[in-house]
C-alpha atoms as a PDB file:
ATOM      1  CA  MET A   1     224.605  -1.502 139.511  1.00  0.00           C
ATOM      2  CA  SER A   2     221.554  -1.973 141.726  1.00  0.00           C
ATOM      3  CA  ASP A   3     221.323   1.806 142.308  1.00  0.00           C
ATOM      4  CA  ARG A   4     221.462   2.395 138.566  1.00  0.00           C
ATOM      5  CA  ILE A   5     218.756  -0.181 137.963  1.00  0.00           C
ATOM      6  CA  SER A   6     216.655   1.351 140.716  1.00  0.00           C
ATOM      7  CA  ALA A   7     216.944   4.779 139.078  1.00  0.00           C
ATOM      8  CA  TRP A   8     215.875   3.338 135.726  1.00  0.00           C
ATOM      9  CA  ILE A   9     212.756   2.063 137.456  1.00  0.00           C
ATOM     10  CA  ARG A  10     212.057   5.137 139.580  1.00  0.00           C
ATOM     11  CA  TRP A  11     212.298   7.859 136.969  1.00  0.00           C
ATOM     12  CA  PRO A  12     209.900   6.374 134.400  1.00  0.00           C
ATOM     13  CA  GLY A  13     207.441   5.970 137.272  1.00  0.00           C
ATOM     14  CA  TYR A  14     207.840   9.620 138.248  1.00  0.00           C
ATOM     15  CA  THR A  15     207.395  10.581 134.597  1.00  0.00           C
ATOM     16  CA  ALA A  16     204.159   8.582 134.416  1.00  0.00           C
ATOM     17  CA  TRP A  17     202.788  10.514 137.400  1.00  0.00           C
ATOM     18  CA  PHE A  18     203.862  13.806 135.817  1.00  0.00           C
ATOM     19  CA  PHE A  19     202.020  13.112 132.570  1.00  0.00           C
ATOM     20  CA  LEU A  20     198.957  12.011 134.528  1.00  0.00           C
ATOM     21  CA  ALA A  21     199.009  15.425 136.230  1.00  0.00           C
ATOM     22  CA  VAL A  22     199.378  17.130 132.831  1.00  0.00           C
ATOM     23  CA  LEU A  23     196.406  15.116 131.583  1.00  0.00           C
ATOM     24  CA  ALA A  24     194.279  16.312 134.498  1.00  0.00           C
ATOM     25  CA  LEU A  25     195.427  19.899 133.930  1.00  0.00           C
ATOM     26  CA  SER A  26     194.523  19.695 130.237  1.00  0.00           C
ATOM     27  CA  VAL A  27     190.995  18.558 131.110  1.00  0.00           C
ATOM     28  CA  MET A  28     190.610  21.503 133.487  1.00  0.00           C
ATOM     29  CA  MET A  29     191.813  23.860 130.747  1.00  0.00           C
ATOM     30  CA  VAL A  30     189.243  22.514 128.289  1.00  0.00           C
ATOM     31  CA  ARG A  31     186.465  22.754 130.858  1.00  0.00           C
ATOM     32  CA  SER A  32     187.431  26.363 131.589  1.00  0.00           C
ATOM     33  CA  GLY A  33     187.043  27.322 127.923  1.00  0.00           C
ATOM     34  CA  ASN A  34     190.647  27.096 126.701  1.00  0.00           C
ATOM     35  CA  TRP A  35     189.765  24.043 124.647  1.00  0.00           C
ATOM     36  CA  GLN A  36     192.334  24.426 121.854  1.00  0.00           C
ATOM     37  CA  GLN A  37     195.335  24.642 124.177  1.00  0.00           C
ATOM     38  CA  GLY A  38     193.801  22.065 126.476  1.00  0.00           C
ATOM     39  CA  LEU A  39     193.299  19.517 123.710  1.00  0.00           C
ATOM     40  CA  MET A  40     196.885  19.978 122.537  1.00  0.00           C
ATOM     41  CA  MET A  41     198.131  19.277 126.062  1.00  0.00           C
ATOM     42  CA  TYR A  42     195.698  16.364 126.321  1.00  0.00           C
ATOM     43  CA  ALA A  43     197.036  14.757 123.142  1.00  0.00           C
ATOM     44  CA  LEU A  44     200.663  15.349 124.143  1.00  0.00           C
ATOM     45  CA  ALA A  45     200.140  13.915 127.627  1.00  0.00           C
ATOM     46  CA  GLY A  46     198.413  10.884 126.143  1.00  0.00           C
ATOM     47  CA  LEU A  47     201.169  10.301 123.592  1.00  0.00           C
ATOM     48  CA  LEU A  48     203.972  10.567 126.132  1.00  0.00           C
ATOM     49  CA  SER A  49     202.058   8.397 128.596  1.00  0.00           C
ATOM     50  CA  LEU A  50     201.865   5.729 125.892  1.00  0.00           C
ATOM     51  CA  VAL A  51     205.620   6.022 125.289  1.00  0.00           C
ATOM     52  CA  VAL A  52     206.349   5.639 129.015  1.00  0.00           C
ATOM     53  CA  LEU A  53     203.953   2.705 129.290  1.00  0.00           C
ATOM     54  CA  LEU A  54     205.567   0.893 126.354  1.00  0.00           C
ATOM     55  CA  PHE A  55     209.046   1.587 127.717  1.00  0.00           C
ATOM     56  CA  MET A  56     208.183   0.162 131.129  1.00  0.00           C
ATOM     57  CA  ALA A  57     206.385  -2.820 129.601  1.00  0.00           C
ATOM     58  CA  VAL A  58     209.502  -3.705 127.600  1.00  0.00           C
ATOM     59  CA  GLN A  59     211.632  -3.006 130.650  1.00  0.00           C
ATOM     60  CA  SER A  60     209.630  -5.474 132.737  1.00  0.00           C
ATOM     61  CA  LEU A  61     210.337  -8.229 130.199  1.00  0.00           C
ATOM     62  CA  MET A  62     214.109  -7.770 130.239  1.00  0.00           C
ATOM     63  CA  PRO A  63     216.026 -10.435 132.207  1.00  0.00           C
ATOM     64  CA  ARG A  64     218.128  -7.911 134.121  1.00  0.00           C
ATOM     65  CA  TRP A  65     214.970  -6.518 135.767  1.00  0.00           C
ATOM     66  CA  GLY A  66     213.055  -9.751 136.030  1.00  0.00           C
ATOM     67  CA  GLY A  67     213.195  -9.706 139.823  1.00  0.00           C
ATOM     68  CA  GLN A  68     211.549  -6.273 139.934  1.00  0.00           C
ATOM     69  CA  ARG A  69     208.877  -6.889 137.323  1.00  0.00           C
ATOM     70  CA  MET A  70     205.928  -6.256 139.642  1.00  0.00           C
ATOM     71  CA  THR A  71     207.516  -3.034 140.913  1.00  0.00           C
ATOM     72  CA  ILE A  72     207.932  -1.794 137.347  1.00  0.00           C
ATOM     73  CA  LEU A  73     204.367  -2.657 136.397  1.00  0.00           C
ATOM     74  CA  LYS A  74     202.957  -0.943 139.488  1.00  0.00           C
ATOM     75  CA  ARG A  75     204.940   2.195 138.724  1.00  0.00           C
ATOM     76  CA  ALA A  76     203.610   2.138 135.164  1.00  0.00           C
ATOM     77  CA  LEU A  77     199.964   2.283 136.270  1.00  0.00           C
ATOM     78  CA  PRO A  78     199.715   6.135 136.231  1.00  0.00           C
ATOM     79  CA  ALA A  79     200.501   6.030 132.499  1.00  0.00           C
ATOM     80  CA  LEU A  80     197.495   3.824 131.742  1.00  0.00           C
ATOM     81  CA  PRO A  81     194.737   6.520 131.668  1.00  0.00           C
ATOM     82  CA  GLY A  82     196.556   8.781 129.222  1.00  0.00           C
ATOM     83  CA  ALA A  83     197.598   5.902 126.972  1.00  0.00           C
ATOM     84  CA  ALA A  84     194.099   4.404 126.972  1.00  0.00           C
ATOM     85  CA  LEU A  85     192.430   7.732 126.184  1.00  0.00           C
ATOM     86  CA  LEU A  86     194.868   8.365 123.345  1.00  0.00           C
ATOM     87  CA  LEU A  87     194.219   4.945 121.812  1.00  0.00           C
ATOM     88  CA  MET A  88     190.458   5.503 122.073  1.00  0.00           C
ATOM     89  CA  ALA A  89     190.799   8.876 120.339  1.00  0.00           C
ATOM     90  CA  MET A  90     192.960   7.337 117.608  1.00  0.00           C
ATOM     91  CA  GLN A  91     190.357   4.643 117.018  1.00  0.00           C
ATOM     92  CA  ALA A  92     187.612   7.270 116.793  1.00  0.00           C
ATOM     93  CA  GLY A  93     189.821   9.235 114.419  1.00  0.00           C
ATOM     94  CA  ASP A  94     188.773   6.912 111.596  1.00  0.00           C
ATOM     95  CA  VAL A  95     185.516   8.865 111.253  1.00  0.00           C
ATOM     96  CA  PRO A  96     185.333  11.865 108.869  1.00  0.00           C
ATOM     97  CA  PRO A  97     186.307  15.329 110.191  1.00  0.00           C
ATOM     98  CA  ILE A  98     182.743  16.635 110.479  1.00  0.00           C
ATOM     99  CA  HIS A  99     180.667  17.843 113.418  1.00  0.00           C
ATOM    100  CA  ASP A 100     177.141  18.452 112.050  1.00  0.00           C
ATOM    101  CA  ILE A 101     175.038  15.297 111.679  1.00  0.00           C
ATOM    102  CA  SER A 102     171.417  15.085 110.554  1.00  0.00           C
ATOM    103  CA  THR A 103     169.008  12.248 109.786  1.00  0.00           C
ATOM    104  CA  ASP A 104     167.524  14.382 107.003  1.00  0.00           C
ATOM    105  CA  LEU A 105     170.163  15.944 104.786  1.00  0.00           C
ATOM    106  CA  GLN A 106     167.745  17.276 102.180  1.00  0.00           C
ATOM    107  CA  ASP A 107     165.671  19.204 104.709  1.00  0.00           C
ATOM    108  CA  PRO A 108     167.638  19.231 107.982  1.00  0.00           C
ATOM    109  CA  PRO A 109     165.889  20.372 111.177  1.00  0.00           C
ATOM    110  CA  VAL A 110     166.749  23.982 111.999  1.00  0.00           C
ATOM    111  CA  PHE A 111     167.722  25.545 115.299  1.00  0.00           C
ATOM    112  CA  GLU A 112     165.929  28.544 116.726  1.00  0.00           C
ATOM    113  CA  LYS A 113     166.292  28.959 120.482  1.00  0.00           C
ATOM    114  CA  ILE A 114     169.806  27.536 120.581  1.00  0.00           C
ATOM    115  CA  LEU A 115     171.129  30.138 118.140  1.00  0.00           C
ATOM    116  CA  SER A 116     171.325  32.657 120.979  1.00  0.00           C
ATOM    117  CA  LEU A 117     173.186  30.156 123.179  1.00  0.00           C
ATOM    118  CA  ARG A 118     175.917  29.104 120.767  1.00  0.00           C
ATOM    119  CA  GLY A 119     177.987  32.277 120.746  1.00  0.00           C
ATOM    120  CA  ASP A 120     180.008  33.961 118.013  1.00  0.00           C
ATOM    121  CA  THR A 121     182.907  31.485 118.163  1.00  0.00           C
ATOM    122  CA  SER A 122     180.770  28.378 117.638  1.00  0.00           C
ATOM    123  CA  ASN A 123     180.892  26.303 114.468  1.00  0.00           C
ATOM    124  CA  PRO A 124     178.646  27.518 111.623  1.00  0.00           C
ATOM    125  CA  LEU A 125     175.357  25.717 111.024  1.00  0.00           C
ATOM    126  CA  GLU A 126     175.461  25.545 107.232  1.00  0.00           C
ATOM    127  CA  LEU A 127     175.513  21.982 105.894  1.00  0.00           C
ATOM    128  CA  THR A 128     177.739  21.878 102.810  1.00  0.00           C
ATOM    129  CA  GLU A 129     177.623  19.304 100.023  1.00  0.00           C
ATOM    130  CA  GLU A 130     181.023  17.999 101.111  1.00  0.00           C
ATOM    131  CA  VAL A 131     179.847  17.426 104.679  1.00  0.00           C
ATOM    132  CA  MET A 132     176.677  15.698 103.505  1.00  0.00           C
ATOM    133  CA  GLU A 133     178.641  13.374 101.223  1.00  0.00           C
ATOM    134  CA  GLN A 134     181.003  12.469 104.067  1.00  0.00           C
ATOM    135  CA  GLN A 135     178.090  11.770 106.394  1.00  0.00           C
ATOM    136  CA  LEU A 136     176.339   9.539 103.871  1.00  0.00           C
ATOM    137  CA  ALA A 137     179.531   7.533 103.406  1.00  0.00           C
ATOM    138  CA  ALA A 138     180.311   7.213 107.115  1.00  0.00           C
ATOM    139  CA  TYR A 139     176.831   6.934 108.656  1.00  0.00           C
ATOM    140  CA  PRO A 140     174.412   5.455 106.099  1.00  0.00           C
ATOM    141  CA  ASP A 141     172.285   4.092 108.956  1.00  0.00           C
ATOM    142  CA  LEU A 142     171.252   7.540 110.165  1.00  0.00           C
ATOM    143  CA  GLN A 143     167.868   8.008 108.540  1.00  0.00           C
ATOM    144  CA  THR A 144     164.486   9.478 109.449  1.00  0.00           C
ATOM    145  CA  LEU A 145     162.833   7.421 112.190  1.00  0.00           C
ATOM    146  CA  LYS A 146     159.349   6.274 111.223  1.00  0.00           C
ATOM    147  CA  SER A 147     156.822   5.566 113.963  1.00  0.00           C
ATOM    148  CA  PRO A 148     153.286   4.176 113.709  1.00  0.00           C
ATOM    149  CA  ARG A 149     152.333   6.305 116.708  1.00  0.00           C
ATOM    150  CA  SER A 150     150.342   9.486 116.445  1.00  0.00           C
ATOM    151  CA  TYR A 151     152.034  12.851 116.189  1.00  0.00           C
ATOM    152  CA  ALA A 152     151.231  13.775 119.803  1.00  0.00           C
ATOM    153  CA  SER A 153     152.400  10.424 121.139  1.00  0.00           C
ATOM    154  CA  SER A 154     155.664  10.565 119.204  1.00  0.00           C
ATOM    155  CA  TYR A 155     156.347  14.150 120.251  1.00  0.00           C
ATOM    156  CA  ASN A 156     155.812  13.345 123.928  1.00  0.00           C
ATOM    157  CA  ALA A 157     157.960  10.228 123.632  1.00  0.00           C
ATOM    158  CA  ALA A 158     160.739  12.225 121.946  1.00  0.00           C
ATOM    159  CA  LEU A 159     160.623  14.848 124.691  1.00  0.00           C
ATOM    160  CA  THR A 160     160.740  12.203 127.411  1.00  0.00           C
ATOM    161  CA  THR A 161     163.595  10.392 125.679  1.00  0.00           C
ATOM    162  CA  ALA A 162     165.669  13.574 125.423  1.00  0.00           C
ATOM    163  CA  ARG A 163     165.231  14.231 129.128  1.00  0.00           C
ATOM    164  CA  ASP A 164     165.940  10.620 130.070  1.00  0.00           C
ATOM    165  CA  LEU A 165     169.234  10.863 128.184  1.00  0.00           C
ATOM    166  CA  GLY A 166     170.207  13.781 130.393  1.00  0.00           C
ATOM    167  CA  TRP A 167     169.871  16.494 127.764  1.00  0.00           C
ATOM    168  CA  GLU A 168     168.955  20.005 128.870  1.00  0.00           C
ATOM    169  CA  VAL A 169     165.778  20.847 126.962  1.00  0.00           C
ATOM    170  CA  VAL A 170     165.722  24.555 126.095  1.00  0.00           C
ATOM    171  CA  ARG A 171     162.766  24.638 123.711  1.00  0.00           C
ATOM    172  CA  GLU A 172     159.483  22.760 123.571  1.00  0.00           C
ATOM    173  CA  ASP A 173     157.139  23.618 120.716  1.00  0.00           C
ATOM    174  CA  PRO A 174     154.553  20.847 120.232  1.00  0.00           C
ATOM    175  CA  ASN A 175     152.590  22.958 117.762  1.00  0.00           C
ATOM    176  CA  ALA A 176     155.559  23.312 115.414  1.00  0.00           C
ATOM    177  CA  GLY A 177     156.935  19.878 116.294  1.00  0.00           C
ATOM    178  CA  PHE A 178     160.353  20.993 117.538  1.00  0.00           C
ATOM    179  CA  ILE A 179     162.454  20.187 120.586  1.00  0.00           C
ATOM    180  CA  GLU A 180     165.850  21.780 121.166  1.00  0.00           C
ATOM    181  CA  ALA A 181     168.319  20.561 123.754  1.00  0.00           C
ATOM    182  CA  VAL A 182     171.926  20.821 124.899  1.00  0.00           C
ATOM    183  CA  ASP A 183     174.019  17.775 125.758  1.00  0.00           C
ATOM    184  CA  THR A 184     177.099  18.436 127.899  1.00  0.00           C
ATOM    185  CA  THR A 185     179.885  15.856 127.663  1.00  0.00           C
ATOM    186  CA  ALA A 186     181.011  14.283 130.918  1.00  0.00           C
ATOM    187  CA  ILE A 187     184.787  14.828 130.947  1.00  0.00           C
ATOM    188  CA  MET A 188     185.531  17.819 128.743  1.00  0.00           C
ATOM    189  CA  ASN A 189     182.283  19.684 129.426  1.00  0.00           C
ATOM    190  CA  PHE A 190     181.750  20.308 125.707  1.00  0.00           C
ATOM    191  CA  LYS A 191     178.254  21.524 124.867  1.00  0.00           C
ATOM    192  CA  ASP A 192     176.680  19.976 121.777  1.00  0.00           C
ATOM    193  CA  ASP A 193     173.326  21.118 120.426  1.00  0.00           C
ATOM    194  CA  VAL A 194     170.442  18.911 119.337  1.00  0.00           C
ATOM    195  CA  VAL A 195     167.214  19.704 117.524  1.00  0.00           C
ATOM    196  CA  ILE A 196     164.424  17.137 117.169  1.00  0.00           C
ATOM    197  CA  ARG A 197     161.668  17.517 114.604  1.00  0.00           C
ATOM    198  CA  VAL A 198     158.442  15.512 114.708  1.00  0.00           C
ATOM    199  CA  ARG A 199     156.077  15.500 111.737  1.00  0.00           C
ATOM    200  CA  THR A 200     152.949  13.600 110.883  1.00  0.00           C
ATOM    201  CA  ASN A 201     152.432  11.377 107.862  1.00  0.00           C
ATOM    202  CA  SER A 202     149.818   8.929 106.619  1.00  0.00           C
ATOM    203  CA  ASP A 203     151.373   6.019 108.530  1.00  0.00           C
ATOM    204  CA  GLY A 204     151.955   7.798 111.840  1.00  0.00           C
ATOM    205  CA  SER A 205     154.836  10.185 112.392  1.00  0.00           C
ATOM    206  CA  LEU A 206     158.385  10.981 111.295  1.00  0.00           C
ATOM    207  CA  ILE A 207     161.167  11.894 113.729  1.00  0.00           C
ATOM    208  CA  ASP A 208     164.366  13.617 112.598  1.00  0.00           C
ATOM    209  CA  LEU A 209     167.362  14.690 114.642  1.00  0.00           C
ATOM    210  CA  ARG A 210     170.282  16.980 114.080  1.00  0.00           C
ATOM    211  CA  SER A 211     173.264  17.076 116.450  1.00  0.00           C
ATOM    212  CA  VAL A 212     176.010  19.698 116.140  1.00  0.00           C
ATOM    213  CA  SER A 213     179.217  20.336 118.079  1.00  0.00           C
ATOM    214  CA  ARG A 214     179.838  23.942 119.060  1.00  0.00           C
ATOM    215  CA  VAL A 215     183.633  23.699 118.758  1.00  0.00           C
ATOM    216  CA  GLY A 216     186.187  21.557 116.976  1.00  0.00           C
ATOM    217  CA  VAL A 217     186.462  20.256 113.424  1.00  0.00           C
ATOM    218  CA  SER A 218     185.933  16.548 114.052  1.00  0.00           C
ATOM    219  CA  ASP A 219     183.474  15.278 116.641  1.00  0.00           C
ATOM    220  CA  LEU A 220     185.172  11.839 116.662  1.00  0.00           C
ATOM    221  CA  GLY A 221     181.788  10.292 115.945  1.00  0.00           C
ATOM    222  CA  ALA A 222     180.094  11.757 119.026  1.00  0.00           C
ATOM    223  CA  ASN A 223     177.117  13.303 117.229  1.00  0.00           C
ATOM    224  CA  ALA A 224     176.307  10.147 115.293  1.00  0.00           C
ATOM    225  CA  ASP A 225     176.538   8.123 118.499  1.00  0.00           C
ATOM    226  CA  ARG A 226     174.224  10.603 120.231  1.00  0.00           C
ATOM    227  CA  ILE A 227     171.595  10.223 117.511  1.00  0.00           C
ATOM    228  CA  ARG A 228     171.888   6.438 117.662  1.00  0.00           C
ATOM    229  CA  ARG A 229     171.418   6.472 121.439  1.00  0.00           C
ATOM    230  CA  PHE A 230     168.308   8.595 121.073  1.00  0.00           C
ATOM    231  CA  MET A 231     166.836   6.341 118.411  1.00  0.00           C
ATOM    232  CA  ALA A 232     167.525   3.206 120.432  1.00  0.00           C
ATOM    233  CA  ALA A 233     165.965   4.738 123.552  1.00  0.00           C
ATOM    234  CA  PHE A 234     162.962   6.039 121.611  1.00  0.00           C
ATOM    235  CA  LYS A 235     162.343   2.642 120.031  1.00  0.00           C
ATOM    236  CA  ALA A 236     162.690   0.893 123.380  1.00  0.00           C
ATOM    237  CA  ALA A 237     160.205   3.287 124.966  1.00  0.00           C
ATOM    238  CA  THR A 238     157.654   3.104 122.159  1.00  0.00           C
ATOM    239  CA  GLU A 239     158.326  -0.459 120.977  1.00  0.00           C
ATOM    240  CA  VAL A 240     158.617   0.671 117.382  1.00  0.00           C
END
């Protein structure tokens, strides 16, 4: 009986390590450009890691394995990353399936330099009525940022903020008021494109942003979060 119990503990632990390896492989696939297959493997590894984790958690609570509870929990640890990442993705899945976010939907900032960097397989850059309606419902807080600072001061602050956030600035045009940048995600190495537009008005200046994912249908809220981070950093730097 003890050998049988030991096997019931060992094999779920081995399975947890296997799915952790699959998770790592899926990340490497996405980073290499095979993002569709990689994301499918990523989701599958996360789902099965969650199943293994739940199985071993229940197992540790059963009286027959009470004396080996710590051993079971230790062997379940490799399943934690995949399960946690899956739960995070599921939570982010509540956002609408869109990937093009702008603070000005009536006159969104346009890309110029980045067009040549996106490639033929990237998402289109046309904002449809459906997408705009979904954005307004999901992110009503994303509006044009108004600053009392002068045009030149706001432009320089926007440029500095983009660089401080780690974005790769590919276009600076202070005369036209545009900044274009690329933000590369840490784990998956996805490249998302950002355009910043600075305009003057009677009270100071207006700053608009547009953030677009190159691939995928849903950005899981990443573009909205990116715009919010920029606005928070800009306000902190300029004390708006």
